[in-house]
Protein backbone atom coordinates (compact mmCIF):
# COMPACT_ATOMS: atom_id res chain seq x y z
CA MET A 1 23.71 42.20 -10.80
CA ALA A 2 25.38 45.63 -9.90
CA LEU A 3 29.14 45.71 -8.84
CA TYR A 4 29.87 47.17 -5.42
CA ALA A 5 33.15 48.18 -3.92
CA TYR A 6 33.38 47.35 -0.27
CA ARG A 7 35.59 47.92 2.75
CA ILE A 8 35.15 45.49 5.57
CA MET A 9 36.90 44.55 8.84
CA ASP A 10 37.34 41.38 10.67
CA ARG A 11 37.00 41.15 14.80
CA ASP A 12 40.77 41.75 14.94
CA GLY A 13 40.62 45.02 13.03
CA HIS A 14 42.27 43.80 9.85
CA GLU A 15 40.60 45.59 6.86
CA ARG A 16 40.02 44.22 3.39
CA LYS A 17 39.12 46.00 0.26
CA GLY A 18 37.59 44.70 -2.90
CA ALA A 19 34.62 44.48 -5.34
CA ILE A 20 31.62 42.00 -5.56
CA GLU A 21 28.59 41.53 -7.55
CA GLY A 22 25.07 41.73 -5.69
CA SER A 23 21.54 42.36 -6.48
CA SER A 24 21.40 45.26 -3.99
CA ARG A 25 23.50 47.24 -1.33
CA ASN A 26 21.74 45.64 1.44
CA ALA A 27 22.17 41.98 -0.09
CA VAL A 28 25.95 42.62 -0.10
CA LYS A 29 25.76 44.01 3.41
CA ALA A 30 23.82 41.05 4.72
CA LYS A 31 26.35 38.50 3.12
CA PHE A 32 29.27 40.12 4.77
CA GLN A 33 27.53 40.32 8.23
CA ALA A 34 26.61 36.75 7.96
CA ASP A 35 30.09 35.76 7.33
CA GLY A 36 31.11 37.71 10.44
CA TRP A 37 32.58 40.77 9.02
CA PHE A 38 32.07 44.40 10.04
CA VAL A 39 31.14 46.47 7.20
CA VAL A 40 32.94 49.90 6.84
CA ASP A 41 31.65 50.89 3.52
CA ILE A 42 29.80 49.62 0.44
CA ARG A 43 29.43 51.69 -2.80
CA GLU A 44 28.20 50.86 -6.23
CA LYS A 45 30.46 50.79 -9.00
CA ALA A 46 30.04 50.88 -12.75
CA SER A 47 29.16 47.59 -14.42
CA ARG A 48 32.00 45.43 -15.00
CA GLU A 49 33.44 45.98 -18.44
CA GLY A 50 33.77 43.05 -20.83
CA LEU A 51 30.72 41.13 -19.49
CA SER A 52 29.74 38.64 -22.03
CA LEU A 53 26.26 38.50 -23.39
CA PHE A 54 25.99 34.86 -22.15
CA ARG A 55 26.96 35.73 -18.73
CA THR A 56 24.38 38.57 -18.67
CA ILE A 57 21.63 36.47 -19.77
CA PHE A 58 22.66 33.67 -17.38
CA SER A 59 22.75 36.20 -14.45
CA MET A 60 19.33 37.57 -15.37
CA ARG A 61 17.85 33.98 -15.45
CA ARG A 62 19.43 33.17 -12.12
CA LYS A 63 17.48 36.08 -10.50
CA LYS A 64 14.40 34.08 -10.79
CA VAL A 65 13.35 31.47 -8.34
CA ALA A 66 11.62 28.51 -9.30
CA ILE A 67 8.97 26.66 -7.26
CA GLU A 68 11.32 23.68 -7.11
CA GLU A 69 13.95 25.84 -5.35
CA VAL A 70 11.38 27.23 -2.88
CA ALA A 71 9.94 23.78 -2.06
CA SER A 72 13.46 22.40 -1.47
CA MET A 73 14.52 25.22 0.71
CA THR A 74 11.25 25.05 2.79
CA ARG A 75 11.75 21.24 3.43
CA LEU A 76 15.39 21.93 4.42
CA LEU A 77 14.18 24.72 6.74
CA ALA A 78 11.52 22.39 8.28
CA THR A 79 14.27 19.74 8.82
CA LEU A 80 16.35 22.24 10.77
CA GLN A 81 13.35 23.39 12.79
CA LYS A 82 12.70 19.70 13.67
CA ALA A 83 16.17 19.51 15.03
CA ARG A 84 15.33 22.54 17.30
CA ILE A 85 17.76 24.85 15.79
CA PRO A 86 16.67 28.63 16.01
CA LEU A 87 14.77 29.94 13.04
CA VAL A 88 17.19 32.74 12.46
CA GLU A 89 20.26 30.33 12.53
CA SER A 90 18.24 27.89 10.32
CA ILE A 91 17.54 30.42 7.70
CA ALA A 92 21.28 31.52 7.54
CA ALA A 93 22.33 27.76 7.25
CA VAL A 94 19.92 27.20 4.43
CA ALA A 95 20.83 30.39 2.72
CA GLN A 96 24.33 29.00 2.33
CA GLN A 97 23.28 25.82 0.86
CA GLN A 98 21.38 27.60 -2.20
CA ASP A 99 22.77 27.18 -5.62
CA ASN A 100 20.60 30.04 -6.76
CA PRO A 101 22.33 33.17 -5.63
CA ARG A 102 19.19 35.22 -5.66
CA LEU A 103 17.39 32.79 -3.27
CA GLY A 104 20.49 33.01 -1.07
CA GLU A 105 20.39 36.71 -0.95
CA VAL A 106 16.81 37.00 -0.17
CA LEU A 107 17.14 34.48 2.71
CA MET A 108 20.02 36.62 4.18
CA LEU A 109 17.97 39.68 3.87
CA VAL A 110 15.04 37.90 5.61
CA LYS A 111 17.57 36.75 8.31
CA THR A 112 18.76 40.52 8.83
CA LYS A 113 15.19 41.80 9.03
CA MET A 114 14.46 39.14 11.70
CA GLN A 115 17.40 40.22 13.63
CA GLU A 116 15.95 43.69 13.60
CA GLY A 117 12.97 42.42 15.17
CA TYR A 118 10.66 41.36 12.13
CA SER A 119 8.87 38.07 12.18
CA PHE A 120 9.59 35.51 9.59
CA SER A 121 6.29 36.05 7.86
CA ARG A 122 6.56 39.80 7.88
CA ALA A 123 10.25 39.79 6.63
CA ALA A 124 9.15 37.40 3.71
CA ARG A 125 6.36 39.80 2.59
CA ASP A 126 9.01 42.09 1.27
CA PHE A 127 9.97 39.41 -1.31
CA PRO A 128 6.89 38.57 -3.25
CA GLU A 129 8.94 37.06 -6.24
CA VAL A 130 9.92 34.21 -3.78
CA PHE A 131 7.45 34.01 -1.05
CA SER A 132 3.83 34.05 -2.30
CA PRO A 133 1.01 35.49 -0.23
CA LEU A 134 -0.11 31.83 0.39
CA TYR A 135 3.43 31.19 1.76
CA CYS A 136 3.59 34.26 4.17
CA ASN A 137 -0.12 33.67 5.45
CA MET A 138 0.64 30.04 6.34
CA ILE A 139 3.79 31.09 8.15
CA ALA A 140 2.02 33.78 9.99
CA ALA A 141 -0.64 31.28 11.06
CA GLY A 142 2.15 28.91 12.33
CA GLU A 143 3.89 31.72 14.18
CA GLU A 144 0.63 32.49 15.92
CA SER A 145 -0.11 28.97 16.84
CA GLY A 146 3.51 28.06 17.71
CA ALA A 147 3.49 25.32 15.03
CA THR A 148 5.89 26.73 12.60
CA GLU A 149 7.76 23.46 12.05
CA ALA A 150 4.35 21.77 11.22
CA VAL A 151 3.49 24.71 8.81
CA LEU A 152 6.61 24.42 7.11
CA LEU A 153 6.29 20.67 6.50
CA ARG A 154 2.95 21.31 5.17
CA LEU A 155 3.97 24.01 2.98
CA ALA A 156 6.94 21.87 1.64
CA ASP A 157 4.32 18.98 0.80
CA PHE A 158 2.00 21.54 -0.85
CA LEU A 159 4.70 23.10 -2.97
CA GLU A 160 5.91 19.72 -4.08
CA SER A 161 2.43 18.44 -4.90
CA GLN A 162 1.78 21.49 -7.06
CA MET A 163 5.33 21.17 -8.79
CA ASP A 164 4.46 17.46 -9.34
CA LEU A 165 1.09 18.23 -10.87
CA ARG A 166 2.65 20.94 -13.06
CA ASN A 167 5.49 18.76 -14.30
CA LYS A 168 2.87 15.96 -15.28
CA VAL A 169 0.89 18.20 -17.43
CA ARG A 170 4.15 19.56 -19.14
CA SER A 171 5.64 16.02 -19.63
CA ALA A 172 2.45 14.68 -20.88
CA MET A 173 2.21 17.43 -23.54
CA THR A 174 6.01 17.51 -24.35
CA TYR A 175 6.01 14.69 -26.73
CA PRO A 176 2.90 15.69 -28.86
CA ILE A 177 4.30 19.11 -29.12
CA ILE A 178 7.72 17.96 -30.38
CA LEU A 179 6.12 15.51 -32.74
CA PHE A 180 3.88 18.33 -34.12
CA VAL A 181 6.69 20.77 -34.67
CA VAL A 182 8.95 18.12 -36.22
CA ALA A 183 5.78 17.30 -38.56
CA ILE A 184 5.48 21.04 -39.56
CA MET A 185 9.17 21.20 -40.37
CA VAL A 186 9.27 18.03 -42.45
CA VAL A 187 6.41 19.12 -44.45
CA ALA A 188 7.83 22.73 -44.82
CA LEU A 189 11.12 21.30 -45.98
CA LEU A 190 9.41 18.99 -48.60
CA PHE A 191 7.12 21.87 -50.01
CA THR A 192 9.99 24.56 -50.16
CA VAL A 193 12.96 22.40 -51.14
CA VAL A 194 12.10 18.97 -52.51
CA ILE A 195 8.97 19.52 -54.50
CA PRO A 196 10.17 22.57 -56.48
CA LYS A 197 13.05 20.52 -57.69
CA ILE A 198 10.82 17.53 -58.74
CA SER A 199 8.10 19.84 -60.34
CA LYS A 200 10.77 21.04 -62.78
CA MET A 201 10.86 17.57 -64.12
CA PHE A 202 7.27 18.01 -65.33
CA GLU A 203 7.73 21.33 -66.98
CA ASP A 204 8.82 20.04 -70.15
CA VAL A 205 6.43 17.05 -70.23
CA ASN A 206 3.58 17.54 -72.71
CA MET A 207 0.81 15.69 -70.82
CA LEU A 208 -1.89 16.56 -68.37
CA LEU A 209 -0.60 15.96 -64.78
CA PRO A 210 -2.85 14.11 -62.33
CA LEU A 211 -5.12 16.14 -60.21
CA GLN A 212 -3.18 15.39 -57.02
CA THR A 213 0.22 16.38 -58.64
CA ARG A 214 -1.18 19.80 -59.78
CA ILE A 215 -2.54 20.39 -56.33
CA LEU A 216 0.79 19.60 -54.73
CA ILE A 217 2.75 21.88 -57.25
CA TRP A 218 0.24 24.69 -56.53
CA ILE A 219 0.72 24.29 -52.74
CA SER A 220 4.48 24.15 -53.19
CA GLY A 221 4.53 27.29 -55.40
CA THR A 222 2.39 29.19 -53.00
CA VAL A 223 4.51 28.22 -50.01
CA SER A 224 7.72 28.96 -51.80
CA SER A 225 6.58 32.53 -52.98
CA TYR A 226 4.73 33.62 -49.99
CA TRP A 227 6.29 31.94 -47.02
CA TRP A 228 7.27 35.44 -45.77
CA LEU A 229 3.71 36.57 -45.77
CA MET A 230 2.45 33.53 -44.01
CA LEU A 231 5.17 34.06 -41.33
CA LEU A 232 4.29 37.64 -40.94
CA THR A 233 0.78 36.79 -40.69
CA ALA A 234 1.33 34.18 -38.16
CA VAL A 235 3.57 36.69 -36.06
CA ALA A 236 1.00 39.48 -36.28
CA GLY A 237 -1.90 37.19 -35.37
CA TYR A 238 0.07 35.85 -32.39
CA VAL A 239 0.87 39.50 -31.16
CA GLY A 240 -2.70 40.53 -31.70
CA PHE A 241 -3.90 37.35 -29.76
CA LEU A 242 -1.51 38.31 -26.80
CA ARG A 243 -2.78 41.80 -26.65
CA TRP A 244 -6.52 40.59 -26.90
CA LYS A 245 -5.83 38.19 -24.02
CA LYS A 246 -4.44 40.90 -21.81
CA THR A 247 -7.69 42.86 -21.98
CA PRO A 248 -10.39 42.10 -19.19
CA SER A 249 -12.85 40.81 -21.84
CA GLY A 250 -10.36 38.88 -23.76
CA GLU A 251 -8.84 37.30 -20.62
CA GLU A 252 -12.18 36.16 -19.44
CA LYS A 253 -13.28 34.64 -22.82
CA TRP A 254 -9.99 32.99 -23.25
CA ASN A 255 -10.32 31.53 -19.72
CA ARG A 256 -13.74 30.40 -20.38
CA LEU A 257 -12.67 28.64 -23.46
CA LEU A 258 -9.84 26.97 -21.62
CA ILE A 259 -12.36 25.12 -19.30
CA THR A 260 -15.05 24.57 -22.04
CA ALA A 261 -13.16 23.27 -25.01
CA PRO A 262 -13.51 19.73 -25.92
CA ILE A 263 -11.17 17.32 -24.58
CA PHE A 264 -8.78 20.03 -23.09
CA GLY A 265 -11.35 21.92 -21.28
CA ARG A 266 -12.18 19.10 -19.01
CA ILE A 267 -8.56 18.52 -17.95
CA ASN A 268 -7.91 22.24 -17.39
CA ARG A 269 -10.99 22.49 -15.04
CA MET A 270 -9.80 19.54 -13.22
CA VAL A 271 -6.37 21.00 -12.62
CA ALA A 272 -8.02 24.35 -11.57
CA ILE A 273 -10.42 22.52 -9.05
CA SER A 274 -7.69 20.35 -7.78
CA ARG A 275 -5.44 23.51 -7.16
CA PHE A 276 -8.39 25.32 -5.48
CA ALA A 277 -9.04 22.24 -2.97
CA LYS A 278 -5.48 21.53 -2.39
CA THR A 279 -4.66 25.31 -1.37
CA LEU A 280 -7.87 25.86 0.56
CA SER A 281 -7.23 22.60 2.48
CA THR A 282 -3.57 23.53 3.19
CA LEU A 283 -4.48 27.04 4.34
CA LEU A 284 -7.44 25.99 6.49
CA THR A 285 -5.23 23.29 8.18
CA SER A 286 -2.57 25.79 8.83
CA GLY A 287 -5.07 27.93 10.80
CA VAL A 288 -5.61 30.66 8.18
CA PRO A 289 -9.25 32.25 8.61
CA ILE A 290 -11.72 31.22 5.83
CA LEU A 291 -12.04 34.55 4.23
CA ALA A 292 -8.32 35.16 4.09
CA ALA A 293 -7.82 31.67 2.78
CA LEU A 294 -10.38 31.99 -0.06
CA ASP A 295 -8.94 35.50 -0.92
CA ILE A 296 -5.34 33.75 -1.34
CA VAL A 297 -7.01 30.72 -3.19
CA ARG A 298 -8.57 32.93 -5.94
CA LYS A 299 -5.12 34.35 -6.72
CA VAL A 300 -3.37 30.91 -7.35
CA ILE A 301 -6.04 29.19 -9.30
CA GLU A 302 -4.87 30.85 -12.64
CA ASN A 303 -8.26 30.91 -14.37
CA ARG A 304 -10.23 34.07 -14.23
CA VAL A 305 -13.63 32.31 -14.35
CA ILE A 306 -13.13 30.04 -11.42
CA GLU A 307 -11.43 32.97 -9.72
CA ASN A 308 -14.55 35.08 -10.19
CA ALA A 309 -16.62 32.34 -8.77
CA VAL A 310 -14.51 31.97 -5.66
CA ALA A 311 -14.38 35.73 -5.22
CA ALA A 312 -18.38 35.88 -5.27
CA ALA A 313 -18.29 32.96 -2.90
CA ARG A 314 -16.13 34.82 -0.46
CA GLU A 315 -18.44 37.85 -0.51
CA ASN A 316 -21.50 35.58 0.15
CA ILE A 317 -19.66 33.95 3.06
CA LYS A 318 -19.06 37.34 4.68
CA GLU A 319 -22.77 37.66 4.64
CA GLY A 320 -23.40 34.38 6.52
CA GLU A 321 -23.74 31.63 3.79
CA SER A 322 -21.94 28.38 3.82
CA ILE A 323 -19.08 27.81 1.13
CA ALA A 324 -20.99 25.14 -0.78
CA VAL A 325 -24.01 27.21 -1.63
CA PRO A 326 -22.49 30.20 -3.51
CA LEU A 327 -19.98 27.75 -5.27
CA LYS A 328 -23.16 25.72 -6.46
CA ARG A 329 -24.82 28.97 -7.57
CA SER A 330 -21.72 29.92 -9.83
CA GLY A 331 -22.24 26.73 -12.02
CA GLU A 332 -18.52 26.33 -12.35
CA PHE A 333 -17.85 23.41 -9.87
CA PRO A 334 -19.11 19.96 -10.67
CA PRO A 335 -21.91 18.61 -8.41
CA ILE A 336 -19.50 16.11 -6.66
CA VAL A 337 -17.30 18.90 -5.53
CA ILE A 338 -20.34 20.74 -4.08
CA GLN A 339 -21.56 17.69 -2.33
CA MET A 340 -18.15 16.76 -0.75
CA ILE A 341 -17.75 20.37 0.45
CA ALA A 342 -21.13 20.49 1.82
CA ILE A 343 -20.62 17.18 3.68
CA GLY A 344 -17.22 18.68 5.13
CA GLU A 345 -18.94 21.67 6.39
CA LYS A 346 -21.62 19.69 8.12
CA SER A 347 -19.33 17.09 9.66
CA GLY A 348 -16.63 19.75 10.54
CA GLU A 349 -14.18 17.93 8.47
CA LEU A 350 -13.76 20.38 5.58
CA GLU A 351 -9.97 20.37 5.50
CA GLU A 352 -9.93 16.50 5.16
CA MET A 353 -12.66 16.48 2.76
CA LEU A 354 -10.78 19.12 0.48
CA GLU A 355 -7.66 17.04 0.92
CA THR A 356 -9.46 14.02 -0.52
CA LEU A 357 -10.99 15.85 -3.20
CA ALA A 358 -7.74 17.26 -4.33
CA GLY A 359 -6.06 13.95 -4.42
CA SER A 360 -8.93 12.43 -6.20
CA TYR A 361 -8.73 15.05 -9.05
CA GLU A 362 -5.07 14.92 -9.22
CA LYS A 363 -5.25 11.13 -10.06
CA GLU A 364 -8.00 11.93 -12.54
CA VAL A 365 -5.79 14.61 -14.29
CA ARG A 366 -2.92 12.15 -14.43
CA TYR A 367 -5.08 9.38 -15.92
CA SER A 368 -6.70 11.92 -18.43
CA LEU A 369 -3.32 13.04 -19.60
CA GLU A 370 -2.13 9.56 -20.10
CA ARG A 371 -5.18 8.61 -22.14
CA LEU A 372 -4.85 11.85 -24.04
CA THR A 373 -1.17 11.31 -24.89
CA ALA A 374 -1.93 7.62 -25.94
CA THR A 375 -4.75 9.02 -28.23
CA ILE A 376 -2.83 11.95 -29.54
CA ASN A 377 0.46 10.42 -30.51
CA PRO A 378 -1.07 7.85 -33.04
CA ILE A 379 -3.22 10.36 -34.56
CA MET A 380 -0.38 12.68 -35.36
CA ILE A 381 1.82 9.91 -36.61
CA VAL A 382 -1.11 8.77 -38.92
CA PHE A 383 -1.84 12.27 -40.07
CA LEU A 384 2.15 12.86 -40.86
CA ALA A 385 2.00 9.45 -42.74
CA LEU A 386 -0.97 10.56 -44.98
CA VAL A 387 0.61 13.83 -45.76
CA ILE A 388 3.98 12.17 -46.75
CA GLY A 389 1.84 9.44 -48.50
CA PHE A 390 -0.04 11.96 -50.52
CA ILE A 391 3.24 13.76 -51.47
CA ILE A 392 4.80 10.42 -52.64
CA PHE A 393 1.71 9.39 -54.52
CA ALA A 394 1.39 12.67 -56.33
CA VAL A 395 5.11 12.55 -57.42
CA VAL A 396 5.08 8.92 -58.43
CA MET A 397 1.88 8.92 -60.45
CA PRO A 398 3.24 11.24 -63.24
CA ILE A 399 6.52 9.36 -63.38
CA LEU A 400 4.60 6.13 -63.86
CA LYS A 401 2.59 7.80 -66.64
CA ILE A 402 5.68 8.99 -68.39
CA ASN A 403 7.30 5.61 -68.33
CA GLU A 404 4.22 4.22 -69.92
CA ALA A 405 4.21 6.72 -72.62
CA VAL A 406 7.84 6.27 -73.32
CA GLY A 407 7.37 2.33 -73.38
């Protein structure tokens, strides 16, 4: 954040001077105006000296707005609208309740633009880091239909459901990842610190060591001598992978692998389809036209393969086709999804059918993750036990032979 020197005046003509941090001059101006001050002058100053590295990093992080914060803000805004408080006043009140200063500043800027004559949806489009195209289009549809309160509630439900699905995926994979990292660290410690010390015990022994012991010593020596090369190779490989993934061809191949890989591919495909169905249902229910809704949906799926299928379906719908036919032609959607969409189109209940479909897939994702976690955890524990057991066996066997020889 930059530092701004300000001169402000209250309604009685009393002037106040000072300095304040803010993301922009307009953000600082909007904050003072919201507090009832008249702004005389605001000028940017040099960055504050002595700002610690921790504070700088913390400030940069707080500029980001998480989906949880947007969902909470939307829910509170919908509550105030339900109480029949004017939208501009509601936004100002919600802005003052935010723990994230960036979100509070954005809301105050939106409020200022609305006071200048902008609609909520139009003002929100200037802040894409907070308000996504989906958010703005739904608000615009609510403004046109006079159902802003209902749209805000629907938006809050949608954001919370997406947040819940994302958290379930993360929490399900957290324990296996931690277990895997711990296993790698334990094995690396054994091979680089413990085994080299033990192997020195066998250097002066004039006997043929067991095969497993020789293998263990060779692995330990290789890791101890060339760990830097292994680390460099891993970093170079990771950087190369990231660059390849950013290319159009690499991105599509990687996204194809994500939805076709054994075990994980099925879960990733279900997550993408659930997001597709939930988002499209929410947009259509809010009154967003089908073509605009599909254009937004393809941007939030986060998988290029499914995104291309939706984009192709959108172009075919412009030519008069139904939704189900081009989606079926793409081959990326399961038959049950195509059948439910087709039934929804014929019965005129597409929104409800998509909502049911999204709920069903969310439950399936949760059950699949629970089963996967229940399977992976024992496998990793057994794998770690086998590795440590092999190390112990390889160390103990020659010691027993030496004892027998001495005896």
